[in-house]
Amino acid sequence: MAKTQLNVRVDEGTARAARERALARGISVNRYIEELVRQDTGEAGRAFVEAAADFMKQYESVFAEEFGRDREGPREGRR
């Protein structure tokens, strides 16, 4: 697989944390960042969205009671 270079600026604390986590896992910072992105865009991301949707569905009536159905937000056609 072809690789491309990506330069990212982060604060020193974030850089230090990335180095420490990569070292603890025995991998390069490069690979650590790659894995984080894959996790975020992959199964973990989908699982989170599905869990959030299930939560909202389960507690929809509680939110409606607390905040009122007329305060659901912008309706289609309104801006």
N, C-alpha and C. Protein backbone atom coordinates (compact mmCIF):
# COMPACT_ATOMS: atom_id res chain seq x y z
N MET A 1 0.85 -1.18 0.00
CA MET A 1 0.00 0.00 0.00
C MET A 1 0.89 1.24 0.00
N ALA A 2 0.58 2.19 -0.85
CA ALA A 2 1.35 3.43 -0.92
C ALA A 2 1.10 4.26 0.32
N LYS A 3 2.10 4.95 0.75
CA LYS A 3 1.99 5.81 1.93
C LYS A 3 2.08 7.26 1.49
N THR A 4 1.44 8.12 2.24
CA THR A 4 1.55 9.55 2.01
C THR A 4 1.91 10.20 3.33
N GLN A 5 2.58 11.31 3.25
CA GLN A 5 3.00 12.00 4.47
C GLN A 5 1.94 13.01 4.88
N LEU A 6 1.67 13.04 6.16
CA LEU A 6 0.70 13.96 6.73
C LEU A 6 1.37 14.66 7.89
N ASN A 7 1.49 15.96 7.82
CA ASN A 7 2.10 16.73 8.91
C ASN A 7 0.99 17.34 9.76
N VAL A 8 1.07 17.11 11.06
CA VAL A 8 0.04 17.58 11.98
C VAL A 8 0.70 18.32 13.12
N ARG A 9 0.14 19.45 13.51
CA ARG A 9 0.65 20.20 14.65
C ARG A 9 -0.26 19.95 15.85
N VAL A 10 0.35 19.56 16.96
CA VAL A 10 -0.39 19.35 18.20
C VAL A 10 0.41 20.00 19.33
N ASP A 11 -0.25 20.25 20.45
CA ASP A 11 0.47 20.82 21.59
C ASP A 11 1.42 19.77 22.17
N GLU A 12 2.37 20.22 22.95
CA GLU A 12 3.41 19.33 23.47
C GLU A 12 2.83 18.21 24.33
N GLY A 13 1.79 18.50 25.10
CA GLY A 13 1.18 17.47 25.92
C GLY A 13 0.58 16.34 25.09
N THR A 14 -0.06 16.70 24.00
CA THR A 14 -0.64 15.69 23.10
C THR A 14 0.46 14.88 22.44
N ALA A 15 1.51 15.54 22.01
CA ALA A 15 2.64 14.84 21.39
C ALA A 15 3.29 13.87 22.38
N ARG A 16 3.46 14.33 23.60
CA ARG A 16 4.07 13.48 24.63
C ARG A 16 3.18 12.26 24.89
N ALA A 17 1.88 12.49 25.00
CA ALA A 17 0.94 11.39 25.25
C ALA A 17 0.98 10.38 24.10
N ALA A 18 1.02 10.86 22.87
CA ALA A 18 1.08 9.96 21.72
C ALA A 18 2.36 9.13 21.75
N ARG A 19 3.47 9.76 22.06
CA ARG A 19 4.75 9.03 22.13
C ARG A 19 4.71 7.98 23.24
N GLU A 20 4.20 8.36 24.40
CA GLU A 20 4.14 7.44 25.53
C GLU A 20 3.23 6.24 25.24
N ARG A 21 2.05 6.51 24.66
CA ARG A 21 1.11 5.42 24.35
C ARG A 21 1.69 4.48 23.30
N ALA A 22 2.34 5.05 22.29
CA ALA A 22 2.95 4.22 21.25
C ALA A 22 4.06 3.37 21.85
N LEU A 23 4.90 3.96 22.68
CA LEU A 23 5.99 3.23 23.32
C LEU A 23 5.45 2.10 24.19
N ALA A 24 4.40 2.39 24.95
CA ALA A 24 3.81 1.38 25.83
C ALA A 24 3.25 0.21 25.02
N ARG A 25 2.78 0.48 23.82
CA ARG A 25 2.23 -0.59 22.97
C ARG A 25 3.30 -1.23 22.09
N GLY A 26 4.50 -0.66 22.12
CA GLY A 26 5.59 -1.24 21.33
C GLY A 26 5.47 -0.97 19.84
N ILE A 27 4.86 0.16 19.48
CA ILE A 27 4.70 0.52 18.07
C ILE A 27 5.18 1.95 17.86
N SER A 28 5.34 2.32 16.61
CA SER A 28 5.75 3.69 16.29
C SER A 28 4.58 4.65 16.50
N VAL A 29 4.90 5.91 16.65
CA VAL A 29 3.86 6.94 16.77
C VAL A 29 3.04 6.94 15.48
N ASN A 30 3.71 6.77 14.37
CA ASN A 30 3.05 6.72 13.07
C ASN A 30 1.96 5.63 13.06
N ARG A 31 2.32 4.44 13.48
CA ARG A 31 1.37 3.33 13.49
C ARG A 31 0.27 3.58 14.52
N TYR A 32 0.62 4.14 15.65
CA TYR A 32 -0.36 4.45 16.69
C TYR A 32 -1.44 5.38 16.14
N ILE A 33 -1.02 6.44 15.45
CA ILE A 33 -1.97 7.39 14.87
C ILE A 33 -2.82 6.71 13.79
N GLU A 34 -2.19 5.89 12.95
CA GLU A 34 -2.94 5.15 11.93
C GLU A 34 -4.04 4.30 12.56
N GLU A 35 -3.70 3.60 13.64
CA GLU A 35 -4.67 2.74 14.31
C GLU A 35 -5.81 3.55 14.91
N LEU A 36 -5.49 4.71 15.48
CA LEU A 36 -6.54 5.56 16.05
C LEU A 36 -7.53 6.01 14.98
N VAL A 37 -7.00 6.39 13.82
CA VAL A 37 -7.87 6.84 12.73
C VAL A 37 -8.73 5.68 12.23
N ARG A 38 -8.13 4.53 12.07
CA ARG A 38 -8.89 3.35 11.62
C ARG A 38 -10.00 3.01 12.60
N GLN A 39 -9.69 3.07 13.89
CA GLN A 39 -10.71 2.78 14.90
C GLN A 39 -11.83 3.80 14.84
N ASP A 40 -11.47 5.05 14.68
CA ASP A 40 -12.47 6.12 14.66
C ASP A 40 -13.38 6.03 13.45
N THR A 41 -12.83 5.61 12.33
CA THR A 41 -13.64 5.54 11.12
C THR A 41 -14.20 4.15 10.87
N GLY A 42 -13.84 3.22 11.70
CA GLY A 42 -14.25 1.84 11.48
C GLY A 42 -15.33 1.38 12.41
N GLU A 43 -15.22 0.17 12.84
CA GLU A 43 -16.24 -0.49 13.63
C GLU A 43 -16.56 0.24 14.92
N ALA A 44 -15.55 0.76 15.60
CA ALA A 44 -15.80 1.46 16.86
C ALA A 44 -16.71 2.66 16.64
N GLY A 45 -16.48 3.38 15.56
CA GLY A 45 -17.33 4.54 15.25
C GLY A 45 -18.76 4.14 14.97
N ARG A 46 -18.93 3.08 14.20
CA ARG A 46 -20.29 2.59 13.91
C ARG A 46 -20.98 2.09 15.18
N ALA A 47 -20.23 1.39 16.02
CA ALA A 47 -20.81 0.87 17.26
C ALA A 47 -21.28 2.02 18.14
N PHE A 48 -20.51 3.08 18.21
CA PHE A 48 -20.90 4.24 19.02
C PHE A 48 -22.18 4.86 18.49
N VAL A 49 -22.26 5.08 17.19
CA VAL A 49 -23.43 5.70 16.60
C VAL A 49 -24.67 4.83 16.83
N GLU A 50 -24.52 3.53 16.66
CA GLU A 50 -25.65 2.63 16.90
C GLU A 50 -26.10 2.66 18.36
N ALA A 51 -25.14 2.68 19.28
CA ALA A 51 -25.48 2.74 20.70
C ALA A 51 -26.17 4.06 21.04
N ALA A 52 -25.69 5.15 20.46
CA ALA A 52 -26.31 6.46 20.70
C ALA A 52 -27.74 6.48 20.16
N ALA A 53 -27.95 5.91 18.98
CA ALA A 53 -29.29 5.87 18.39
C ALA A 53 -30.22 5.02 19.25
N ASP A 54 -29.74 3.89 19.75
CA ASP A 54 -30.54 3.04 20.62
C ASP A 54 -30.91 3.78 21.91
N PHE A 55 -29.95 4.50 22.47
CA PHE A 55 -30.19 5.27 23.69
C PHE A 55 -31.28 6.31 23.46
N MET A 56 -31.16 7.05 22.36
CA MET A 56 -32.14 8.10 22.08
C MET A 56 -33.53 7.50 21.86
N LYS A 57 -33.58 6.37 21.18
CA LYS A 57 -34.87 5.71 20.94
C LYS A 57 -35.49 5.25 22.26
N GLN A 58 -34.65 4.67 23.12
CA GLN A 58 -35.13 4.16 24.40
C GLN A 58 -35.65 5.28 25.30
N TYR A 59 -35.00 6.44 25.28
CA TYR A 59 -35.36 7.53 26.18
C TYR A 59 -36.07 8.69 25.49
N GLU A 60 -36.58 8.44 24.29
CA GLU A 60 -37.26 9.49 23.53
C GLU A 60 -38.41 10.12 24.32
N SER A 61 -39.20 9.30 24.98
CA SER A 61 -40.35 9.82 25.73
C SER A 61 -39.90 10.67 26.92
N VAL A 62 -38.80 10.30 27.54
CA VAL A 62 -38.28 11.07 28.67
C VAL A 62 -37.85 12.46 28.19
N PHE A 63 -37.13 12.50 27.05
CA PHE A 63 -36.71 13.79 26.51
C PHE A 63 -37.91 14.63 26.09
N ALA A 64 -38.89 13.99 25.47
CA ALA A 64 -40.09 14.71 25.04
C ALA A 64 -40.83 15.29 26.24
N GLU A 65 -40.92 14.52 27.30
CA GLU A 65 -41.60 15.00 28.51
C GLU A 65 -40.84 16.16 29.14
N GLU A 66 -39.54 16.03 29.20
CA GLU A 66 -38.71 17.05 29.84
C GLU A 66 -38.65 18.34 29.03
N PHE A 67 -38.49 18.21 27.73
CA PHE A 67 -38.24 19.39 26.90
C PHE A 67 -39.42 19.78 26.02
N GLY A 68 -40.44 18.98 25.99
CA GLY A 68 -41.64 19.30 25.22
C GLY A 68 -41.48 18.97 23.75
N ARG A 69 -42.52 18.43 23.19
CA ARG A 69 -42.48 18.04 21.77
C ARG A 69 -42.40 19.26 20.86
N ASP A 70 -42.94 20.42 21.28
CA ASP A 70 -42.91 21.61 20.43
C ASP A 70 -41.53 22.24 20.35
N ARG A 71 -40.57 21.72 21.11
CA ARG A 71 -39.21 22.27 21.10
C ARG A 71 -38.23 21.30 20.44
N GLU A 72 -38.70 20.53 19.48
CA GLU A 72 -37.87 19.52 18.84
C GLU A 72 -36.79 20.13 17.95
N GLY A 73 -36.89 21.39 17.63
CA GLY A 73 -35.90 22.01 16.78
C GLY A 73 -36.51 22.39 15.45
N PRO A 74 -35.67 22.84 14.52
CA PRO A 74 -36.19 23.29 13.23
C PRO A 74 -36.89 22.16 12.49
N ARG A 75 -38.02 22.49 11.94
CA ARG A 75 -38.74 21.51 11.13
C ARG A 75 -38.36 21.73 9.67
N GLU A 76 -38.59 20.71 8.88
CA GLU A 76 -38.28 20.80 7.47
C GLU A 76 -39.01 21.98 6.85
N GLY A 77 -38.29 22.77 6.08
CA GLY A 77 -38.89 23.92 5.43
C GLY A 77 -38.73 25.20 6.22
N ARG A 78 -38.45 25.11 7.51
CA ARG A 78 -38.23 26.30 8.34
C ARG A 78 -36.76 26.57 8.47
N ARG A 79 -36.37 27.80 8.46
CA ARG A 79 -34.95 28.16 8.66
C ARG A 79 -34.83 29.35 9.56
